[in-house]
Amino acid sequence: MKTLCLSLGMLLLIACCCNAMTQRLKNNTGPVECCYKFSSVVIPKKNVSEIKMTHSSCMLKGFILKTVKGRSFCFRESVPWVLEAYNQMHNHEGSSQQQ
């Protein structure tokens, strides 16, 4: 009887673990870009094609800037010109979608 209870308990535990693992895989949205080194270069706004914030799961918070030539740079959240460019790009996109 003890063996049966122990076996059923282990089976239940394994089933719970498998369920939790599949739920976690469903919630995974794919690869995440994070910054590990930050640049101090000033890039002209005309050369910027995209600016996005790092994902919330990244240890270091900042902005990922992509140039029109396809290069990526990371900048700290505290860099004023990057923050201003980010706000301008995202406010402009939001206002053009409302029309």
PDB file of N, CA and C in Angstrom:
ATOM      1  N   MET A   1       0.825  -1.192   0.000  1.00  0.00           N
ATOM      2  CA  MET A   1       0.000   0.000   0.000  1.00  0.00           C
ATOM      3  C   MET A   1       0.870   1.258   0.000  1.00  0.00           C
ATOM      4  N   LYS A   2       1.961   1.217   0.811  1.00  0.00           N
ATOM      5  CA  LYS A   2       2.864   2.371   0.848  1.00  0.00           C
ATOM      6  C   LYS A   2       3.501   2.608  -0.517  1.00  0.00           C
ATOM      7  N   THR A   3       3.852   1.522  -1.177  1.00  0.00           N
ATOM      8  CA  THR A   3       4.477   1.639  -2.488  1.00  0.00           C
ATOM      9  C   THR A   3       3.513   2.260  -3.492  1.00  0.00           C
ATOM     10  N   LEU A   4       2.248   1.866  -3.427  1.00  0.00           N
ATOM     11  CA  LEU A   4       1.240   2.411  -4.327  1.00  0.00           C
ATOM     12  C   LEU A   4       1.045   3.908  -4.087  1.00  0.00           C
ATOM     13  N   CYS A   5       0.954   4.318  -2.831  1.00  0.00           N
ATOM     14  CA  CYS A   5       0.789   5.742  -2.499  1.00  0.00           C
ATOM     15  C   CYS A   5       2.008   6.549  -2.938  1.00  0.00           C
ATOM     16  N   LEU A   6       3.185   5.993  -2.700  1.00  0.00           N
ATOM     17  CA  LEU A   6       4.414   6.672  -3.096  1.00  0.00           C
ATOM     18  C   LEU A   6       4.489   6.812  -4.618  1.00  0.00           C
ATOM     19  N   SER A   7       4.118   5.762  -5.327  1.00  0.00           N
ATOM     20  CA  SER A   7       4.142   5.798  -6.795  1.00  0.00           C
ATOM     21  C   SER A   7       3.141   6.813  -7.335  1.00  0.00           C
ATOM     22  N   LEU A   8       1.932   6.828  -6.778  1.00  0.00           N
ATOM     23  CA  LEU A   8       0.923   7.794  -7.219  1.00  0.00           C
ATOM     24  C   LEU A   8       1.350   9.225  -6.893  1.00  0.00           C
ATOM     25  N   GLY A   9       1.970   9.413  -5.742  1.00  0.00           N
ATOM     26  CA  GLY A   9       2.465  10.738  -5.364  1.00  0.00           C
ATOM     27  C   GLY A   9       3.543  11.225  -6.320  1.00  0.00           C
ATOM     28  N   MET A  10       4.457  10.355  -6.673  1.00  0.00           N
ATOM     29  CA  MET A  10       5.523  10.712  -7.619  1.00  0.00           C
ATOM     30  C   MET A  10       4.942  11.013  -8.997  1.00  0.00           C
ATOM     31  N   LEU A  11       3.966  10.216  -9.414  1.00  0.00           N
ATOM     32  CA  LEU A  11       3.328  10.433 -10.707  1.00  0.00           C
ATOM     33  C   LEU A  11       2.615  11.782 -10.737  1.00  0.00           C
ATOM     34  N   LEU A  12       1.936  12.125  -9.665  1.00  0.00           N
ATOM     35  CA  LEU A  12       1.254  13.415  -9.567  1.00  0.00           C
ATOM     36  C   LEU A  12       2.258  14.565  -9.593  1.00  0.00           C
ATOM     37  N   LEU A  13       3.363  14.414  -8.892  1.00  0.00           N
ATOM     38  CA  LEU A  13       4.409  15.439  -8.869  1.00  0.00           C
ATOM     39  C   LEU A  13       5.007  15.645 -10.261  1.00  0.00           C
ATOM     40  N   ILE A  14       5.270  14.578 -10.958  1.00  0.00           N
ATOM     41  CA  ILE A  14       5.824  14.666 -12.314  1.00  0.00           C
ATOM     42  C   ILE A  14       4.828  15.341 -13.252  1.00  0.00           C
ATOM     43  N   ALA A  15       3.553  14.996 -13.125  1.00  0.00           N
ATOM     44  CA  ALA A  15       2.526  15.614 -13.973  1.00  0.00           C
ATOM     45  C   ALA A  15       2.447  17.114 -13.724  1.00  0.00           C
ATOM     46  N   CYS A  16       2.533  17.531 -12.475  1.00  0.00           N
ATOM     47  CA  CYS A  16       2.494  18.965 -12.150  1.00  0.00           C
ATOM     48  C   CYS A  16       3.708  19.689 -12.728  1.00  0.00           C
ATOM     49  N   CYS A  17       4.876  19.077 -12.621  1.00  0.00           N
ATOM     50  CA  CYS A  17       6.095  19.695 -13.153  1.00  0.00           C
ATOM     51  C   CYS A  17       6.023  19.829 -14.670  1.00  0.00           C
ATOM     52  N   CYS A  18       5.529  18.809 -15.338  1.00  0.00           N
ATOM     53  CA  CYS A  18       5.409  18.866 -16.797  1.00  0.00           C
ATOM     54  C   CYS A  18       4.433  19.954 -17.215  1.00  0.00           C
ATOM     55  N   ASN A  19       3.329  20.088 -16.494  1.00  0.00           N
ATOM     56  CA  ASN A  19       2.345  21.123 -16.806  1.00  0.00           C
ATOM     57  C   ASN A  19       2.956  22.511 -16.632  1.00  0.00           C
ATOM     58  N   ALA A  20       3.704  22.707 -15.566  1.00  0.00           N
ATOM     59  CA  ALA A  20       4.334  24.011 -15.319  1.00  0.00           C
ATOM     60  C   ALA A  20       5.354  24.338 -16.406  1.00  0.00           C
ATOM     61  N   MET A  21       6.102  23.347 -16.854  1.00  0.00           N
ATOM     62  CA  MET A  21       7.109  23.580 -17.888  1.00  0.00           C
ATOM     63  C   MET A  21       6.460  23.940 -19.219  1.00  0.00           C
ATOM     64  N   THR A  22       5.355  23.277 -19.577  1.00  0.00           N
ATOM     65  CA  THR A  22       4.704  23.600 -20.847  1.00  0.00           C
ATOM     66  C   THR A  22       4.073  24.986 -20.795  1.00  0.00           C
ATOM     67  N   GLN A  23       3.547  25.392 -19.645  1.00  0.00           N
ATOM     68  CA  GLN A  23       2.999  26.745 -19.511  1.00  0.00           C
ATOM     69  C   GLN A  23       4.098  27.781 -19.694  1.00  0.00           C
ATOM     70  N   ARG A  24       5.259  27.518 -19.146  1.00  0.00           N
ATOM     71  CA  ARG A  24       6.368  28.459 -19.265  1.00  0.00           C
ATOM     72  C   ARG A  24       6.823  28.579 -20.719  1.00  0.00           C
ATOM     73  N   LEU A  25       6.845  27.474 -21.431  1.00  0.00           N
ATOM     74  CA  LEU A  25       7.234  27.511 -22.839  1.00  0.00           C
ATOM     75  C   LEU A  25       6.217  28.285 -23.674  1.00  0.00           C
ATOM     76  N   LYS A  26       4.943  28.185 -23.343  1.00  0.00           N
ATOM     77  CA  LYS A  26       3.916  28.930 -24.069  1.00  0.00           C
ATOM     78  C   LYS A  26       4.077  30.428 -23.868  1.00  0.00           C
ATOM     79  N   ASN A  27       4.500  30.838 -22.672  1.00  0.00           N
ATOM     80  CA  ASN A  27       4.644  32.256 -22.361  1.00  0.00           C
ATOM     81  C   ASN A  27       5.917  32.860 -22.926  1.00  0.00           C
ATOM     82  N   ASN A  28       6.839  32.041 -23.366  1.00  0.00           N
ATOM     83  CA  ASN A  28       8.090  32.532 -23.930  1.00  0.00           C
ATOM     84  C   ASN A  28       7.811  33.095 -25.319  1.00  0.00           C
ATOM     85  N   THR A  29       8.103  34.371 -25.516  1.00  0.00           N
ATOM     86  CA  THR A  29       7.786  35.017 -26.786  1.00  0.00           C
ATOM     87  C   THR A  29       8.937  34.975 -27.779  1.00  0.00           C
ATOM     88  N   GLY A  30      10.030  34.378 -27.422  1.00  0.00           N
ATOM     89  CA  GLY A  30      11.141  34.294 -28.354  1.00  0.00           C
ATOM     90  C   GLY A  30      12.369  35.010 -27.829  1.00  0.00           C
ATOM     91  N   PRO A  31      13.345  35.178 -28.694  1.00  0.00           N
ATOM     92  CA  PRO A  31      14.588  35.806 -28.257  1.00  0.00           C
ATOM     93  C   PRO A  31      14.374  37.264 -27.859  1.00  0.00           C
ATOM     94  N   VAL A  32      15.139  37.691 -26.887  1.00  0.00           N
ATOM     95  CA  VAL A  32      15.039  39.052 -26.362  1.00  0.00           C
ATOM     96  C   VAL A  32      16.388  39.731 -26.553  1.00  0.00           C
ATOM     97  N   GLU A  33      16.370  40.968 -27.058  1.00  0.00           N
ATOM     98  CA  GLU A  33      17.602  41.743 -27.204  1.00  0.00           C
ATOM     99  C   GLU A  33      17.881  42.478 -25.902  1.00  0.00           C
ATOM    100  N   CYS A  34      19.050  42.277 -25.367  1.00  0.00           N
ATOM    101  CA  CYS A  34      19.479  42.976 -24.158  1.00  0.00           C
ATOM    102  C   CYS A  34      20.805  43.678 -24.438  1.00  0.00           C
ATOM    103  N   CYS A  35      21.102  44.678 -23.635  1.00  0.00           N
ATOM    104  CA  CYS A  35      22.358  45.421 -23.765  1.00  0.00           C
ATOM    105  C   CYS A  35      23.319  45.010 -22.656  1.00  0.00           C
ATOM    106  N   TYR A  36      24.568  44.789 -23.023  1.00  0.00           N
ATOM    107  CA  TYR A  36      25.601  44.452 -22.045  1.00  0.00           C
ATOM    108  C   TYR A  36      26.708  45.494 -22.025  1.00  0.00           C
ATOM    109  N   LYS A  37      26.829  46.238 -23.111  1.00  0.00           N
ATOM    110  CA  LYS A  37      27.782  47.350 -23.203  1.00  0.00           C
ATOM    111  C   LYS A  37      27.027  48.535 -23.780  1.00  0.00           C
ATOM    112  N   PHE A  38      27.379  49.722 -23.319  1.00  0.00           N
ATOM    113  CA  PHE A  38      26.674  50.921 -23.762  1.00  0.00           C
ATOM    114  C   PHE A  38      27.621  51.851 -24.503  1.00  0.00           C
ATOM    115  N   SER A  39      27.091  52.479 -25.535  1.00  0.00           N
ATOM    116  CA  SER A  39      27.860  53.397 -26.368  1.00  0.00           C
ATOM    117  C   SER A  39      27.719  54.820 -25.848  1.00  0.00           C
ATOM    118  N   SER A  40      28.706  55.645 -26.159  1.00  0.00           N
ATOM    119  CA  SER A  40      28.633  57.072 -25.817  1.00  0.00           C
ATOM    120  C   SER A  40      28.675  57.937 -27.078  1.00  0.00           C
ATOM    121  N   VAL A  41      28.618  57.301 -28.238  1.00  0.00           N
ATOM    122  CA  VAL A  41      28.656  58.000 -29.520  1.00  0.00           C
ATOM    123  C   VAL A  41      27.333  58.730 -29.737  1.00  0.00           C
ATOM    124  N   VAL A  42      27.398  59.934 -30.286  1.00  0.00           N
ATOM    125  CA  VAL A  42      26.182  60.661 -30.655  1.00  0.00           C
ATOM    126  C   VAL A  42      25.906  60.384 -32.133  1.00  0.00           C
ATOM    127  N   ILE A  43      24.729  59.860 -32.415  1.00  0.00           N
ATOM    128  CA  ILE A  43      24.356  59.514 -33.786  1.00  0.00           C
ATOM    129  C   ILE A  43      23.347  60.548 -34.286  1.00  0.00           C
ATOM    130  N   PRO A  44      23.592  61.150 -35.445  1.00  0.00           N
ATOM    131  CA  PRO A  44      22.637  62.126 -35.986  1.00  0.00           C
ATOM    132  C   PRO A  44      21.252  61.496 -36.176  1.00  0.00           C
ATOM    133  N   LYS A  45      20.212  62.259 -35.857  1.00  0.00           N
ATOM    134  CA  LYS A  45      18.840  61.735 -35.939  1.00  0.00           C
ATOM    135  C   LYS A  45      18.485  61.259 -37.340  1.00  0.00           C
ATOM    136  N   LYS A  46      19.072  61.874 -38.358  1.00  0.00           N
ATOM    137  CA  LYS A  46      18.772  61.460 -39.737  1.00  0.00           C
ATOM    138  C   LYS A  46      19.271  60.042 -40.025  1.00  0.00           C
ATOM    139  N   ASN A  47      20.221  59.558 -39.216  1.00  0.00           N
ATOM    140  CA  ASN A  47      20.768  58.214 -39.406  1.00  0.00           C
ATOM    141  C   ASN A  47      20.061  57.153 -38.568  1.00  0.00           C
ATOM    142  N   VAL A  48      19.082  57.554 -37.771  1.00  0.00           N
ATOM    143  CA  VAL A  48      18.381  56.627 -36.876  1.00  0.00           C
ATOM    144  C   VAL A  48      17.129  56.102 -37.568  1.00  0.00           C
ATOM    145  N   SER A  49      16.996  54.780 -37.631  1.00  0.00           N
ATOM    146  CA  SER A  49      15.790  54.199 -38.230  1.00  0.00           C
ATOM    147  C   SER A  49      14.817  53.686 -37.177  1.00  0.00           C
ATOM    148  N   GLU A  50      15.332  53.291 -36.008  1.00  0.00           N
ATOM    149  CA  GLU A  50      14.465  52.717 -34.977  1.00  0.00           C
ATOM    150  C   GLU A  50      15.122  52.855 -33.610  1.00  0.00           C
ATOM    151  N   ILE A  51      14.304  53.127 -32.603  1.00  0.00           N
ATOM    152  CA  ILE A  51      14.773  53.119 -31.217  1.00  0.00           C
ATOM    153  C   ILE A  51      13.743  52.356 -30.407  1.00  0.00           C
ATOM    154  N   LYS A  52      14.206  51.373 -29.634  1.00  0.00           N
ATOM    155  CA  LYS A  52      13.285  50.663 -28.752  1.00  0.00           C
ATOM    156  C   LYS A  52      13.942  50.456 -27.396  1.00  0.00           C
ATOM    157  N   MET A  53      13.105  50.266 -26.404  1.00  0.00           N
ATOM    158  CA  MET A  53      13.615  50.017 -25.058  1.00  0.00           C
ATOM    159  C   MET A  53      14.007  48.547 -24.948  1.00  0.00           C
ATOM    160  N   THR A  54      14.970  48.273 -24.076  1.00  0.00           N
ATOM    161  CA  THR A  54      15.322  46.881 -23.831  1.00  0.00           C
ATOM    162  C   THR A  54      14.141  46.195 -23.152  1.00  0.00           C
ATOM    163  N   HIS A  55      14.062  44.899 -23.289  1.00  0.00           N
ATOM    164  CA  HIS A  55      12.975  44.114 -22.715  1.00  0.00           C
ATOM    165  C   HIS A  55      13.028  44.180 -21.191  1.00  0.00           C
ATOM    166  N   SER A  56      11.881  44.064 -20.564  1.00  0.00           N
ATOM    167  CA  SER A  56      11.809  44.160 -19.100  1.00  0.00           C
ATOM    168  C   SER A  56      12.576  43.039 -18.398  1.00  0.00           C
ATOM    169  N   SER A  57      12.847  41.939 -19.087  1.00  0.00           N
ATOM    170  CA  SER A  57      13.594  40.846 -18.466  1.00  0.00           C
ATOM    171  C   SER A  57      15.112  41.055 -18.527  1.00  0.00           C
ATOM    172  N   CYS A  58      15.568  42.082 -19.227  1.00  0.00           N
ATOM    173  CA  CYS A  58      17.008  42.371 -19.316  1.00  0.00           C
ATOM    174  C   CYS A  58      17.503  42.946 -17.992  1.00  0.00           C
ATOM    175  N   MET A  59      18.696  42.556 -17.596  1.00  0.00           N
ATOM    176  CA  MET A  59      19.259  43.049 -16.335  1.00  0.00           C
ATOM    177  C   MET A  59      19.612  44.528 -16.410  1.00  0.00           C
ATOM    178  N   LEU A  60      20.147  44.968 -17.541  1.00  0.00           N
ATOM    179  CA  LEU A  60      20.536  46.366 -17.716  1.00  0.00           C
ATOM    180  C   LEU A  60      19.517  47.055 -18.616  1.00  0.00           C
ATOM    181  N   LYS A  61      18.920  48.114 -18.116  1.00  0.00           N
ATOM    182  CA  LYS A  61      17.892  48.839 -18.865  1.00  0.00           C
ATOM    183  C   LYS A  61      18.538  49.880 -19.767  1.00  0.00           C
ATOM    184  N   GLY A  62      17.957  50.086 -20.926  1.00  0.00           N
ATOM    185  CA  GLY A  62      18.476  51.082 -21.848  1.00  0.00           C
ATOM    186  C   GLY A  62      17.680  51.103 -23.130  1.00  0.00           C
ATOM    187  N   PHE A  63      18.275  51.700 -24.158  1.00  0.00           N
ATOM    188  CA  PHE A  63      17.650  51.798 -25.474  1.00  0.00           C
ATOM    189  C   PHE A  63      18.520  51.089 -26.497  1.00  0.00           C
ATOM    190  N   ILE A  64      17.865  50.430 -27.438  1.00  0.00           N
ATOM    191  CA  ILE A  64      18.555  49.831 -28.570  1.00  0.00           C
ATOM    192  C   ILE A  64      18.226  50.692 -29.780  1.00  0.00           C
ATOM    193  N   LEU A  65      19.244  51.274 -30.363  1.00  0.00           N
ATOM    194  CA  LEU A  65      19.084  52.177 -31.499  1.00  0.00           C
ATOM    195  C   LEU A  65      19.603  51.479 -32.746  1.00  0.00           C
ATOM    196  N   LYS A  66      18.810  51.493 -33.812  1.00  0.00           N
ATOM    197  CA  LYS A  66      19.245  50.916 -35.088  1.00  0.00           C
ATOM    198  C   LYS A  66      19.391  52.042 -36.096  1.00  0.00           C
ATOM    199  N   THR A  67      20.482  51.983 -36.851  1.00  0.00           N
ATOM    200  CA  THR A  67      20.738  53.015 -37.857  1.00  0.00           C
ATOM    201  C   THR A  67      20.147  52.596 -39.200  1.00  0.00           C
ATOM    202  N   VAL A  68      20.115  53.537 -40.123  1.00  0.00           N
ATOM    203  CA  VAL A  68      19.604  53.243 -41.466  1.00  0.00           C
ATOM    204  C   VAL A  68      20.498  52.236 -42.189  1.00  0.00           C
ATOM    205  N   LYS A  69      21.746  52.105 -41.759  1.00  0.00           N
ATOM    206  CA  LYS A  69      22.663  51.124 -42.349  1.00  0.00           C
ATOM    207  C   LYS A  69      22.558  49.755 -41.678  1.00  0.00           C
ATOM    208  N   GLY A  70      21.679  49.639 -40.662  1.00  0.00           N
ATOM    209  CA  GLY A  70      21.450  48.347 -40.028  1.00  0.00           C
ATOM    210  C   GLY A  70      22.300  48.053 -38.804  1.00  0.00           C
ATOM    211  N   ARG A  71      23.113  49.000 -38.367  1.00  0.00           N
ATOM    212  CA  ARG A  71      23.938  48.782 -37.173  1.00  0.00           C
ATOM    213  C   ARG A  71      23.113  49.032 -35.922  1.00  0.00           C
ATOM    214  N   SER A  72      23.414  48.311 -34.854  1.00  0.00           N
ATOM    215  CA  SER A  72      22.711  48.478 -33.580  1.00  0.00           C
ATOM    216  C   SER A  72      23.661  49.019 -32.527  1.00  0.00           C
ATOM    217  N   PHE A  73      23.149  49.929 -31.711  1.00  0.00           N
ATOM    218  CA  PHE A  73      23.901  50.514 -30.606  1.00  0.00           C
ATOM    219  C   PHE A  73      23.028  50.486 -29.364  1.00  0.00           C
ATOM    220  N   CYS A  74      23.651  50.306 -28.222  1.00  0.00           N
ATOM    221  CA  CYS A  74      22.942  50.373 -26.946  1.00  0.00           C
ATOM    222  C   CYS A  74      23.327  51.654 -26.220  1.00  0.00           C
ATOM    223  N   PHE A  75      22.324  52.288 -25.635  1.00  0.00           N
ATOM    224  CA  PHE A  75      22.535  53.509 -24.860  1.00  0.00           C
ATOM    225  C   PHE A  75      21.811  53.389 -23.532  1.00  0.00           C
ATOM    226  N   ARG A  76      22.395  53.995 -22.509  1.00  0.00           N
ATOM    227  CA  ARG A  76      21.755  54.015 -21.191  1.00  0.00           C
ATOM    228  C   ARG A  76      20.472  54.831 -21.244  1.00  0.00           C
ATOM    229  N   GLU A  77      19.558  54.535 -20.332  1.00  0.00           N
ATOM    230  CA  GLU A  77      18.290  55.272 -20.247  1.00  0.00           C
ATOM    231  C   GLU A  77      18.503  56.743 -19.928  1.00  0.00           C
ATOM    232  N   SER A  78      19.630  57.051 -19.314  1.00  0.00           N
ATOM    233  CA  SER A  78      19.879  58.413 -18.839  1.00  0.00           C
ATOM    234  C   SER A  78      20.485  59.345 -19.895  1.00  0.00           C
ATOM    235  N   VAL A  79      20.754  58.858 -21.101  1.00  0.00           N
ATOM    236  CA  VAL A  79      21.350  59.700 -22.147  1.00  0.00           C
ATOM    237  C   VAL A  79      20.252  60.606 -22.718  1.00  0.00           C
ATOM    238  N   PRO A  80      20.362  61.930 -22.503  1.00  0.00           N
ATOM    239  CA  PRO A  80      19.273  62.847 -22.867  1.00  0.00           C
ATOM    240  C   PRO A  80      18.875  62.831 -24.343  1.00  0.00           C
ATOM    241  N   TRP A  81      19.851  62.841 -25.264  1.00  0.00           N
ATOM    242  CA  TRP A  81      19.495  62.928 -26.678  1.00  0.00           C
ATOM    243  C   TRP A  81      18.791  61.666 -27.165  1.00  0.00           C
ATOM    244  N   VAL A  82      19.150  60.505 -26.592  1.00  0.00           N
ATOM    245  CA  VAL A  82      18.497  59.252 -26.984  1.00  0.00           C
ATOM    246  C   VAL A  82      17.062  59.229 -26.453  1.00  0.00           C
ATOM    247  N   LEU A  83      16.884  59.649 -25.212  1.00  0.00           N
ATOM    248  CA  LEU A  83      15.549  59.708 -24.622  1.00  0.00           C
ATOM    249  C   LEU A  83      14.646  60.659 -25.410  1.00  0.00           C
ATOM    250  N   GLU A  84      15.191  61.804 -25.799  1.00  0.00           N
ATOM    251  CA  GLU A  84      14.429  62.779 -26.588  1.00  0.00           C
ATOM    252  C   GLU A  84      14.056  62.201 -27.959  1.00  0.00           C
ATOM    253  N   ALA A  85      15.012  61.554 -28.612  1.00  0.00           N
ATOM    254  CA  ALA A  85      14.749  60.951 -29.927  1.00  0.00           C
ATOM    255  C   ALA A  85      13.708  59.833 -29.809  1.00  0.00           C
ATOM    256  N   TYR A  86      13.808  59.039 -28.755  1.00  0.00           N
ATOM    257  CA  TYR A  86      12.830  57.962 -28.520  1.00  0.00           C
ATOM    258  C   TYR A  86      11.430  58.549 -28.360  1.00  0.00           C
ATOM    259  N   ASN A  87      11.308  59.567 -27.516  1.00  0.00           N
ATOM    260  CA  ASN A  87       9.999  60.192 -27.283  1.00  0.00           C
ATOM    261  C   ASN A  87       9.450  60.817 -28.558  1.00  0.00           C
ATOM    262  N   GLN A  88      10.303  61.474 -29.335  1.00  0.00           N
ATOM    263  CA  GLN A  88       9.852  62.085 -30.589  1.00  0.00           C
ATOM    264  C   GLN A  88       9.367  61.031 -31.579  1.00  0.00           C
ATOM    265  N   MET A  89      10.118  59.944 -31.715  1.00  0.00           N
ATOM    266  CA  MET A  89       9.735  58.898 -32.667  1.00  0.00           C
ATOM    267  C   MET A  89       8.423  58.236 -32.263  1.00  0.00           C
ATOM    268  N   HIS A  90       8.273  57.960 -30.979  1.00  0.00           N
ATOM    269  CA  HIS A  90       7.087  57.235 -30.525  1.00  0.00           C
ATOM    270  C   HIS A  90       5.867  58.136 -30.408  1.00  0.00           C
ATOM    271  N   ASN A  91       6.047  59.395 -30.077  1.00  0.00           N
ATOM    272  CA  ASN A  91       4.916  60.327 -30.056  1.00  0.00           C
ATOM    273  C   ASN A  91       4.453  60.625 -31.471  1.00  0.00           C
ATOM    274  N   HIS A  92       5.401  60.725 -32.401  1.00  0.00           N
ATOM    275  CA  HIS A  92       5.062  60.983 -33.804  1.00  0.00           C
ATOM    276  C   HIS A  92       4.288  59.804 -34.389  1.00  0.00           C
ATOM    277  N   GLU A  93       4.727  58.574 -34.093  1.00  0.00           N
ATOM    278  CA  GLU A  93       4.047  57.381 -34.597  1.00  0.00           C
ATOM    279  C   GLU A  93       2.630  57.307 -34.048  1.00  0.00           C
ATOM    280  N   GLY A  94       2.460  57.607 -32.767  1.00  0.00           N
ATOM    281  CA  GLY A  94       1.140  57.543 -32.147  1.00  0.00           C
ATOM    282  C   GLY A  94       0.191  58.565 -32.721  1.00  0.00           C
ATOM    283  N   SER A  95       0.675  59.781 -32.987  1.00  0.00           N
ATOM    284  CA  SER A  95      -0.202  60.828 -33.521  1.00  0.00           C
ATOM    285  C   SER A  95      -0.569  60.563 -34.974  1.00  0.00           C
ATOM    286  N   SER A  96       0.321  59.931 -35.745  1.00  0.00           N
ATOM    287  CA  SER A  96       0.004  59.653 -37.148  1.00  0.00           C
ATOM    288  C   SER A  96      -0.985  58.496 -37.266  1.00  0.00           C
ATOM    289  N   GLN A  97      -1.019  57.593 -36.287  1.00  0.00           N
ATOM    290  CA  GLN A  97      -1.951  56.476 -36.328  1.00  0.00           C
ATOM    291  C   GLN A  97      -3.361  56.911 -35.957  1.00  0.00           C
ATOM    292  N   GLN A  98      -3.504  58.014 -35.225  1.00  0.00           N
ATOM    293  CA  GLN A  98      -4.814  58.461 -34.781  1.00  0.00           C
ATOM    294  C   GLN A  98      -5.579  59.166 -35.888  1.00  0.00           C
ATOM    295  N   GLN A  99      -4.915  59.634 -36.928  1.00  0.00           N
ATOM    296  CA  GLN A  99      -5.590  60.383 -37.993  1.00  0.00           C
ATOM    297  C   GLN A  99      -6.385  59.492 -38.897  1.00  0.00           C
TER     298      GLN A  99
END
